[in-house]
């Protein structure tokens, strides 16, 4: 019973981690598409 709870917990944490990574990647893509006025953000994202 404890093993099942631990597994589901690890799965949830892993899913959240990948979700955050996807959001970061998306944010970086959006930052690169922005006008030249936001160049400092682009260098920070890269």
PDB file of N, CA and C in Angstrom:
ATOM      1  N   UNK A   1       0.832  -1.202   0.000  1.00  0.00           N
ATOM      2  CA  UNK A   1       0.000   0.000   0.000  1.00  0.00           C
ATOM      3  C   UNK A   1       0.874   1.263   0.000  1.00  0.00           C
ATOM      4  N   UNK A   2       1.915   1.249   0.816  1.00  0.00           N
ATOM      5  CA  UNK A   2       2.816   2.407   0.872  1.00  0.00           C
ATOM      6  C   UNK A   2       3.527   2.595  -0.462  1.00  0.00           C
ATOM      7  N   UNK A   3       3.909   1.486  -1.094  1.00  0.00           N
ATOM      8  CA  UNK A   3       4.598   1.558  -2.394  1.00  0.00           C
ATOM      9  C   UNK A   3       3.726   2.251  -3.437  1.00  0.00           C
ATOM     10  N   UNK A   4       2.434   1.927  -3.452  1.00  0.00           N
ATOM     11  CA  UNK A   4       1.526   2.524  -4.435  1.00  0.00           C
ATOM     12  C   UNK A   4       1.424   4.036  -4.207  1.00  0.00           C
ATOM     13  N   UNK A   5       1.308   4.436  -2.946  1.00  0.00           N
ATOM     14  CA  UNK A   5       1.221   5.868  -2.636  1.00  0.00           C
ATOM     15  C   UNK A   5       2.495   6.593  -3.043  1.00  0.00           C
ATOM     16  N   UNK A   6       3.624   5.971  -2.775  1.00  0.00           N
ATOM     17  CA  UNK A   6       4.908   6.569  -3.135  1.00  0.00           C
ATOM     18  C   UNK A   6       5.030   6.704  -4.650  1.00  0.00           C
ATOM     19  N   UNK A   7       4.601   5.681  -5.368  1.00  0.00           N
ATOM     20  CA  UNK A   7       4.680   5.707  -6.827  1.00  0.00           C
ATOM     21  C   UNK A   7       3.819   6.822  -7.399  1.00  0.00           C
ATOM     22  N   UNK A   8       2.582   6.933  -6.906  1.00  0.00           N
ATOM     23  CA  UNK A   8       1.689   7.975  -7.417  1.00  0.00           C
ATOM     24  C   UNK A   8       2.226   9.367  -7.075  1.00  0.00           C
ATOM     25  N   UNK A   9       2.856   9.485  -5.899  1.00  0.00           N
ATOM     26  CA  UNK A   9       3.458  10.762  -5.507  1.00  0.00           C
ATOM     27  C   UNK A   9       4.603  11.127  -6.447  1.00  0.00           C
ATOM     28  N   UNK A  10       5.477  10.165  -6.708  1.00  0.00           N
ATOM     29  CA  UNK A  10       6.604  10.406  -7.613  1.00  0.00           C
ATOM     30  C   UNK A  10       6.118  10.764  -9.011  1.00  0.00           C
ATOM     31  N   UNK A  11       5.069  10.083  -9.461  1.00  0.00           N
ATOM     32  CA  UNK A  11       4.524  10.351 -10.787  1.00  0.00           C
ATOM     33  C   UNK A  11       3.994  11.778 -10.862  1.00  0.00           C
ATOM     34  N   UNK A  12       3.290  12.199  -9.812  1.00  0.00           N
ATOM     35  CA  UNK A  12       2.744  13.561  -9.778  1.00  0.00           C
ATOM     36  C   UNK A  12       3.860  14.597  -9.825  1.00  0.00           C
ATOM     37  N   UNK A  13       4.899  14.368  -9.028  1.00  0.00           N
ATOM     38  CA  UNK A  13       6.036  15.299  -8.994  1.00  0.00           C
ATOM     39  C   UNK A  13       6.711  15.363 -10.361  1.00  0.00           C
ATOM     40  N   UNK A  14       6.880  14.197 -10.988  1.00  0.00           N
ATOM     41  CA  UNK A  14       7.525  14.145 -12.302  1.00  0.00           C
ATOM     42  C   UNK A  14       6.698  14.890 -13.341  1.00  0.00           C
ATOM     43  N   UNK A  15       5.367  14.685 -13.303  1.00  0.00           N
ATOM     44  CA  UNK A  15       4.493  15.374 -14.254  1.00  0.00           C
ATOM     45  C   UNK A  15       4.579  16.882 -14.067  1.00  0.00           C
ATOM     46  N   UNK A  16       4.583  17.334 -12.810  1.00  0.00           N
ATOM     47  CA  UNK A  16       4.677  18.771 -12.546  1.00  0.00           C
ATOM     48  C   UNK A  16       6.007  19.326 -13.039  1.00  0.00           C
ATOM     49  N   UNK A  17       7.079  18.553 -12.823  1.00  0.00           N
ATOM     50  CA  UNK A  17       8.405  18.984 -13.262  1.00  0.00           C
ATOM     51  C   UNK A  17       8.434  19.176 -14.780  1.00  0.00           C
ATOM     52  N   UNK A  18       7.899  18.192 -15.517  1.00  0.00           N
ATOM     53  CA  UNK A  18       7.891  18.304 -16.975  1.00  0.00           C
ATOM     54  C   UNK A  18       6.995  19.442 -17.432  1.00  0.00           C
ATOM     55  N   UNK A  19       5.899  19.672 -16.712  1.00  0.00           N
ATOM     56  CA  UNK A  19       4.994  20.765 -17.047  1.00  0.00           C
ATOM     57  C   UNK A  19       5.724  22.103 -16.919  1.00  0.00           C
ATOM     58  N   UNK A  20       6.494  22.257 -15.839  1.00  0.00           N
ATOM     59  CA  UNK A  20       7.266  23.486 -15.629  1.00  0.00           C
ATOM     60  C   UNK A  20       8.291  23.656 -16.737  1.00  0.00           C
ATOM     61  N   UNK A  21       8.971  22.563 -17.109  1.00  0.00           N
ATOM     62  CA  UNK A  21       9.975  22.626 -18.173  1.00  0.00           C
ATOM     63  C   UNK A  21       9.337  23.060 -19.489  1.00  0.00           C
ATOM     64  N   UNK A  22       8.157  22.512 -19.806  1.00  0.00           N
ATOM     65  CA  UNK A  22       7.459  22.896 -21.037  1.00  0.00           C
ATOM     66  C   UNK A  22       7.098  24.374 -21.004  1.00  0.00           C
ATOM     67  N   UNK A  23       6.629  24.862 -19.849  1.00  0.00           N
ATOM     68  CA  UNK A  23       6.260  26.269 -19.721  1.00  0.00           C
ATOM     69  C   UNK A  23       7.472  27.172 -19.919  1.00  0.00           C
ATOM     70  N   UNK A  24       8.626  26.769 -19.373  1.00  0.00           N
ATOM     71  CA  UNK A  24       9.854  27.550 -19.550  1.00  0.00           C
ATOM     72  C   UNK A  24      10.249  27.609 -21.018  1.00  0.00           C
ATOM     73  N   UNK A  25      10.159  26.466 -21.696  1.00  0.00           N
ATOM     74  CA  UNK A  25      10.523  26.409 -23.111  1.00  0.00           C
ATOM     75  C   UNK A  25       9.601  27.322 -23.920  1.00  0.00           C
ATOM     76  N   UNK A  26       8.302  27.284 -23.600  1.00  0.00           N
ATOM     77  CA  UNK A  26       7.332  28.126 -24.295  1.00  0.00           C
ATOM     78  C   UNK A  26       7.627  29.601 -24.038  1.00  0.00           C
ATOM     79  N   UNK A  27       7.932  29.941 -22.795  1.00  0.00           N
ATOM     80  CA  UNK A  27       8.235  31.331 -22.438  1.00  0.00           C
ATOM     81  C   UNK A  27       9.464  31.823 -23.193  1.00  0.00           C
ATOM     82  N   UNK A  28      10.467  30.954 -23.339  1.00  0.00           N
ATOM     83  CA  UNK A  28      11.678  31.332 -24.072  1.00  0.00           C
ATOM     84  C   UNK A  28      11.358  31.597 -25.538  1.00  0.00           C
ATOM     85  N   UNK A  29      10.498  30.763 -26.123  1.00  0.00           N
ATOM     86  CA  UNK A  29      10.114  30.958 -27.522  1.00  0.00           C
ATOM     87  C   UNK A  29       9.389  32.282 -27.698  1.00  0.00           C
ATOM     88  N   UNK A  30       8.484  32.593 -26.766  1.00  0.00           N
ATOM     89  CA  UNK A  30       7.738  33.850 -26.840  1.00  0.00           C
ATOM     90  C   UNK A  30       8.688  35.035 -26.682  1.00  0.00           C
ATOM     91  N   UNK A  31       9.649  34.912 -25.756  1.00  0.00           N
ATOM     92  CA  UNK A  31      10.602  35.998 -25.509  1.00  0.00           C
ATOM     93  C   UNK A  31      11.420  36.297 -26.760  1.00  0.00           C
ATOM     94  N   UNK A  32      11.795  35.246 -27.495  1.00  0.00           N
ATOM     95  CA  UNK A  32      12.597  35.429 -28.706  1.00  0.00           C
ATOM     96  C   UNK A  32      11.770  36.131 -29.788  1.00  0.00           C
ATOM     97  N   UNK A  33      10.458  35.889 -29.810  1.00  0.00           N
ATOM     98  CA  UNK A  33       9.595  36.493 -30.831  1.00  0.00           C
ATOM     99  C   UNK A  33       9.275  37.956 -30.556  1.00  0.00           C
ATOM    100  N   UNK A  34       9.539  38.429 -29.336  1.00  0.00           N
ATOM    101  CA  UNK A  34       9.177  39.799 -28.976  1.00  0.00           C
ATOM    102  C   UNK A  34      10.012  40.831 -29.732  1.00  0.00           C
ATOM    103  N   UNK A  35       9.515  42.071 -29.792  1.00  0.00           N
ATOM    104  CA  UNK A  35      10.250  43.142 -30.489  1.00  0.00           C
ATOM    105  C   UNK A  35      11.623  43.414 -29.869  1.00  0.00           C
ATOM    106  N   UNK A  36      12.425  44.210 -30.577  1.00  0.00           N
ATOM    107  CA  UNK A  36      13.812  44.472 -30.165  1.00  0.00           C
ATOM    108  C   UNK A  36      13.893  45.213 -28.828  1.00  0.00           C
ATOM    109  N   UNK A  37      12.806  45.847 -28.398  1.00  0.00           N
ATOM    110  CA  UNK A  37      12.833  46.613 -27.146  1.00  0.00           C
ATOM    111  C   UNK A  37      13.047  45.721 -25.927  1.00  0.00           C
ATOM    112  N   UNK A  38      12.816  44.418 -26.080  1.00  0.00           N
ATOM    113  CA  UNK A  38      12.951  43.489 -24.953  1.00  0.00           C
ATOM    114  C   UNK A  38      14.195  42.616 -25.065  1.00  0.00           C
ATOM    115  N   UNK A  39      15.232  43.112 -25.699  1.00  0.00           N
ATOM    116  CA  UNK A  39      16.439  42.295 -25.895  1.00  0.00           C
ATOM    117  C   UNK A  39      17.072  41.782 -24.594  1.00  0.00           C
ATOM    118  N   UNK A  40      17.095  42.547 -23.498  1.00  0.00           N
ATOM    119  CA  UNK A  40      17.673  42.017 -22.250  1.00  0.00           C
ATOM    120  C   UNK A  40      16.995  40.726 -21.796  1.00  0.00           C
ATOM    121  N   UNK A  41      15.676  40.616 -21.997  1.00  0.00           N
ATOM    122  CA  UNK A  41      14.947  39.400 -21.621  1.00  0.00           C
ATOM    123  C   UNK A  41      15.404  38.210 -22.459  1.00  0.00           C
ATOM    124  N   UNK A  42      15.691  38.452 -23.726  1.00  0.00           N
ATOM    125  CA  UNK A  42      16.127  37.354 -24.603  1.00  0.00           C
ATOM    126  C   UNK A  42      17.464  36.801 -24.120  1.00  0.00           C
ATOM    127  N   UNK A  43      18.412  37.679 -23.819  1.00  0.00           N
ATOM    128  CA  UNK A  43      19.726  37.215 -23.367  1.00  0.00           C
ATOM    129  C   UNK A  43      19.609  36.475 -22.036  1.00  0.00           C
ATOM    130  N   UNK A  44      18.678  36.913 -21.183  1.00  0.00           N
ATOM    131  CA  UNK A  44      18.469  36.248 -19.901  1.00  0.00           C
ATOM    132  C   UNK A  44      17.874  34.856 -20.117  1.00  0.00           C
ATOM    133  N   UNK A  45      16.946  34.746 -21.084  1.00  0.00           N
ATOM    134  CA  UNK A  45      16.298  33.463 -21.350  1.00  0.00           C
ATOM    135  C   UNK A  45      17.284  32.450 -21.919  1.00  0.00           C
ATOM    136  N   UNK A  46      18.209  32.929 -22.750  1.00  0.00           N
ATOM    137  CA  UNK A  46      19.187  32.022 -23.347  1.00  0.00           C
ATOM    138  C   UNK A  46      20.301  31.747 -22.345  1.00  0.00           C
TER     139      UNK A  46
END
